[in-house]
Amino acid sequence: VCVVALVGFVMLCILYQPDEKTCVQFTVKLLYFVLSALALIACVLAVAFAAHHYLQLTKFTCDAIQESCQCKLDTADPLGRTFVYQDAADCGSLRRMLNLYLLLQMALNLVAALVCLLTCFMVWKHRYQVFYVGVRFQPLTAADGHRQQV
């Protein structure tokens, strides 16, 4: 997402030529679109990853052992994975903090994914469909100064 933002700033610095007559402008615009699409995929995967871990965390059973918190997904399974959090004596506080962290991570990655989607839409719309970013008013004038008189 940071690389996409840097390429966007570079794209803003390049002088705009109508109909993409420069190779540099076309290349930067294509790179911007491709990186935005890749960032969109990465952000959606990050949301899915955080959501998966959030759902797993809600099913954990945690016990405080000495100065650590040990969490298991299934206590009846002797081969089940055990997650050990060192220097965390209060398991309830740890679980609340991790839940909050994962929810925040999901929200921020979702916002980043929406921004990347909007960026892809705007670049695609500007290239292949009519997309006006401003209105330029130029009054009509007669060609070569010839006017018909009635």
Protein backbone atom coordinates (compact mmCIF):
# COMPACT_ATOMS: atom_id res chain seq x y z
CA VAL A 1 0.00 0.00 0.00
CA CYS A 2 2.90 2.36 0.75
CA VAL A 3 4.52 1.59 -2.62
CA VAL A 4 1.20 2.33 -4.35
CA ALA A 5 1.05 5.68 -2.57
CA LEU A 6 4.62 6.51 -3.67
CA VAL A 7 3.83 5.61 -7.29
CA GLY A 8 0.70 7.78 -7.01
CA PHE A 9 2.82 10.73 -5.91
CA VAL A 10 5.18 10.13 -8.85
CA MET A 11 2.15 10.03 -11.14
CA LEU A 12 1.03 13.39 -9.78
CA CYS A 13 4.45 14.90 -10.49
CA ILE A 14 4.49 13.86 -14.16
CA LEU A 15 3.01 16.48 -16.43
CA TYR A 16 -0.30 15.24 -17.81
CA GLN A 17 -0.50 14.71 -21.56
CA PRO A 18 -3.93 14.07 -23.07
CA ASP A 19 -4.51 10.58 -24.47
CA GLU A 20 -1.40 9.24 -22.74
CA LYS A 21 1.01 10.33 -25.48
CA THR A 22 4.09 9.76 -23.36
CA CYS A 23 5.53 6.34 -22.63
CA VAL A 24 6.47 7.36 -19.07
CA GLN A 25 2.91 8.42 -18.27
CA PHE A 26 1.45 5.19 -19.64
CA THR A 27 4.01 3.06 -17.78
CA VAL A 28 3.46 4.83 -14.45
CA LYS A 29 -0.32 4.59 -14.85
CA LEU A 30 -0.10 0.87 -15.66
CA LEU A 31 2.26 0.28 -12.74
CA TYR A 32 -0.11 2.21 -10.46
CA PHE A 33 -3.07 0.07 -11.54
CA VAL A 34 -1.21 -3.25 -11.18
CA LEU A 35 0.21 -2.34 -7.77
CA SER A 36 -3.21 -1.14 -6.60
CA ALA A 37 -4.75 -4.45 -7.64
CA LEU A 38 -2.01 -6.40 -5.84
CA ALA A 39 -2.43 -4.23 -2.73
CA LEU A 40 -6.19 -4.89 -2.87
CA ILE A 41 -5.56 -8.65 -2.90
CA ALA A 42 -3.02 -8.36 -0.06
CA CYS A 43 -5.42 -6.30 2.08
CA VAL A 44 -8.30 -8.73 1.53
CA LEU A 45 -6.01 -11.63 2.48
CA ALA A 46 -4.90 -9.74 5.60
CA VAL A 47 -8.55 -9.22 6.60
CA ALA A 48 -9.27 -12.92 6.08
CA PHE A 49 -6.15 -13.92 8.05
CA ALA A 50 -7.07 -11.67 10.99
CA ALA A 51 -10.70 -12.85 10.91
CA HIS A 52 -9.58 -16.50 10.99
CA HIS A 53 -7.34 -15.86 14.01
CA TYR A 54 -10.07 -13.85 15.72
CA LEU A 55 -12.47 -16.79 15.37
CA GLN A 56 -9.82 -19.18 16.68
CA LEU A 57 -9.09 -16.90 19.62
CA THR A 58 -12.75 -16.88 20.66
CA LYS A 59 -12.62 -20.70 20.99
CA PHE A 60 -9.42 -20.82 23.05
CA THR A 61 -9.32 -22.15 26.57
CA CYS A 62 -6.59 -20.34 28.47
CA ASP A 63 -4.92 -21.20 31.79
CA ALA A 64 -2.40 -19.15 33.74
CA ILE A 65 0.66 -21.27 34.52
CA GLN A 66 3.38 -19.52 36.55
CA GLU A 67 4.06 -16.25 34.69
CA SER A 68 2.67 -17.30 31.34
CA CYS A 69 -0.69 -17.87 29.73
CA GLN A 70 -1.20 -21.15 27.88
CA CYS A 71 -4.09 -21.36 25.43
CA LYS A 72 -5.43 -24.45 23.66
CA LEU A 73 -8.07 -24.77 21.00
CA ASP A 74 -9.25 -28.20 22.13
CA THR A 75 -8.34 -29.25 25.66
CA ALA A 76 -9.38 -32.88 25.05
CA ASP A 77 -6.90 -33.29 22.19
CA PRO A 78 -3.45 -34.19 23.58
CA LEU A 79 -1.79 -33.37 20.24
CA GLY A 80 -3.55 -30.03 19.86
CA ARG A 81 -1.47 -26.90 19.48
CA THR A 82 -0.69 -24.96 22.60
CA PHE A 83 -0.01 -21.24 22.40
CA VAL A 84 2.17 -19.93 25.21
CA TYR A 85 2.26 -16.20 25.95
CA GLN A 86 5.24 -15.38 28.17
CA ASP A 87 5.02 -12.69 30.90
CA ALA A 88 1.23 -12.61 30.74
CA ALA A 89 -0.22 -13.71 34.04
CA ASP A 90 -3.74 -12.36 33.36
CA CYS A 91 -5.21 -14.49 30.55
CA GLY A 92 -8.49 -12.56 30.42
CA SER A 93 -6.71 -9.28 29.83
CA LEU A 94 -4.50 -10.90 27.18
CA ARG A 95 -7.48 -12.30 25.28
CA ARG A 96 -9.29 -8.94 25.35
CA MET A 97 -6.17 -7.16 24.10
CA LEU A 98 -5.64 -9.70 21.29
CA ASN A 99 -9.32 -9.49 20.31
CA LEU A 100 -9.10 -5.71 20.15
CA TYR A 101 -5.85 -5.87 18.18
CA LEU A 102 -7.30 -8.29 15.61
CA LEU A 103 -10.50 -6.26 15.23
CA LEU A 104 -8.46 -3.10 14.69
CA GLN A 105 -6.27 -4.91 12.17
CA MET A 106 -9.35 -6.13 10.28
CA ALA A 107 -10.88 -2.64 10.20
CA LEU A 108 -7.70 -0.91 9.01
CA ASN A 109 -7.02 -3.52 6.33
CA LEU A 110 -10.63 -3.28 5.17
CA VAL A 111 -10.29 0.50 4.82
CA ALA A 112 -7.04 0.02 2.87
CA ALA A 113 -8.74 -2.55 0.62
CA LEU A 114 -11.59 -0.12 -0.09
CA VAL A 115 -9.13 2.65 -0.96
CA CYS A 116 -7.26 0.30 -3.31
CA LEU A 117 -10.54 -0.77 -4.90
CA LEU A 118 -11.50 2.87 -5.41
CA THR A 119 -8.08 3.56 -6.94
CA CYS A 120 -8.41 0.64 -9.36
CA PHE A 121 -11.93 1.77 -10.30
CA MET A 122 -10.84 5.36 -10.96
CA VAL A 123 -7.84 4.38 -13.09
CA TRP A 124 -9.93 1.88 -15.06
CA LYS A 125 -12.78 4.33 -15.51
CA HIS A 126 -10.42 7.12 -16.61
CA ARG A 127 -8.74 4.86 -19.17
CA TYR A 128 -11.69 3.03 -20.70
CA GLN A 129 -14.74 5.17 -19.99
CA VAL A 130 -15.62 8.81 -19.75
CA PHE A 131 -14.49 10.17 -16.41
CA TYR A 132 -14.54 13.89 -15.83
CA VAL A 133 -12.50 15.31 -13.00
CA GLY A 134 -13.32 18.90 -13.84
CA VAL A 135 -15.22 21.07 -16.25
CA ARG A 136 -13.41 23.38 -18.64
CA PHE A 137 -15.47 26.13 -20.20
CA GLN A 138 -14.34 27.57 -23.50
CA PRO A 139 -16.78 29.76 -25.40
CA LEU A 140 -17.44 28.85 -29.00
CA THR A 141 -15.85 31.18 -31.52
CA ALA A 142 -16.36 31.39 -35.25
CA ALA A 143 -13.66 29.71 -37.34
CA ASP A 144 -11.12 32.03 -38.99
CA GLY A 145 -13.14 35.10 -38.15
CA HIS A 146 -15.71 34.51 -40.94
CA ARG A 147 -19.18 35.27 -39.82
CA GLN A 148 -22.33 35.03 -41.78
CA GLN A 149 -24.56 38.02 -41.74
CA VAL A 150 -28.26 37.60 -42.10
